[in-house]
Amino acid sequence: MRCIKERTRIRNMGQLLEEAICIGNRARIAVACAHDREVLKAVGRARAHGIGFFDLVGDAGTIRSLA
């Protein structure tokens, strides 16, 4: 895996994931609409790869029931 050296458009989630892992910087990330099932799945995948710390923003009851 090689990190992108210059500004290049990231075209899909796989490229974004590769770049985030390569950089290795664990950022704090705010996630809007976190009450959406697909959004929570993406956050789960990112957490599994150690990408960052996530602040979930959305309907708390729905987030808890889906998590």
Protein backbone atom coordinates (compact mmCIF):
# COMPACT_ATOMS: atom_id res chain seq x y z
CA MET A 1 0.00 0.00 0.00
CA ARG A 2 1.33 3.44 -0.84
CA CYS A 3 0.04 6.76 0.45
CA ILE A 4 -1.13 9.34 -2.04
CA LYS A 5 1.68 11.89 -2.38
CA GLU A 6 -0.27 14.61 -4.16
CA ARG A 7 -3.86 15.76 -4.21
CA THR A 8 -5.79 13.00 -5.91
CA ARG A 9 -9.52 12.50 -5.94
CA ILE A 10 -10.59 9.59 -3.77
CA ARG A 11 -13.37 7.88 -5.71
CA ASN A 12 -14.70 5.22 -3.37
CA MET A 13 -14.79 4.01 0.22
CA GLY A 14 -12.01 1.49 -0.40
CA GLN A 15 -9.59 4.23 -1.49
CA LEU A 16 -10.59 6.39 1.46
CA LEU A 17 -10.01 3.51 3.85
CA GLU A 18 -6.59 2.71 2.34
CA GLU A 19 -5.47 6.33 2.57
CA ALA A 20 -6.67 6.75 6.16
CA ILE A 21 -4.84 3.58 7.24
CA CYS A 22 -1.69 4.67 5.39
CA ILE A 23 -1.64 8.11 7.00
CA GLY A 24 -2.14 6.54 10.41
CA ASN A 25 -3.43 9.69 12.09
CA ARG A 26 -6.26 8.94 14.48
CA ALA A 27 -8.49 11.97 14.10
CA ARG A 28 -11.67 12.88 15.94
CA ILE A 29 -14.51 12.67 13.40
CA ALA A 30 -18.04 14.03 13.74
CA VAL A 31 -20.58 11.82 11.99
CA ALA A 32 -23.87 13.44 10.96
CA CYS A 33 -27.02 11.31 10.49
CA ALA A 34 -25.49 8.60 12.65
CA HIS A 35 -28.99 7.18 13.22
CA ASP A 36 -28.82 5.73 9.68
CA ARG A 37 -27.98 2.00 9.61
CA GLU A 38 -25.54 2.32 6.68
CA VAL A 39 -23.72 5.22 8.35
CA LEU A 40 -23.28 3.15 11.52
CA LYS A 41 -21.94 0.23 9.48
CA ALA A 42 -19.34 2.52 7.88
CA VAL A 43 -18.33 3.86 11.29
CA GLY A 44 -17.99 0.30 12.57
CA ARG A 45 -15.69 -0.63 9.67
CA ALA A 46 -13.58 2.47 10.20
CA ARG A 47 -13.29 1.78 13.95
CA ALA A 48 -12.25 -1.81 13.25
CA HIS A 49 -9.33 -0.42 11.23
CA GLY A 50 -8.39 2.04 13.99
CA ILE A 51 -8.97 5.07 11.82
CA GLY A 52 -10.28 7.52 14.39
CA PHE A 53 -12.51 8.52 17.25
CA PHE A 54 -16.14 9.13 16.30
CA ASP A 55 -18.72 11.54 17.71
CA LEU A 56 -22.14 10.35 16.55
CA VAL A 57 -24.72 13.06 15.83
CA GLY A 58 -28.35 12.10 15.31
CA ASP A 59 -31.34 10.60 17.08
CA ALA A 60 -29.78 9.09 20.24
CA GLY A 61 -32.52 6.49 20.76
CA THR A 62 -32.23 5.19 17.22
CA ILE A 63 -28.42 5.13 17.41
CA ARG A 64 -28.57 3.08 20.62
CA SER A 65 -31.07 0.63 19.17
CA LEU A 66 -28.98 0.10 16.01
CA ALA A 67 -25.57 -0.03 17.69
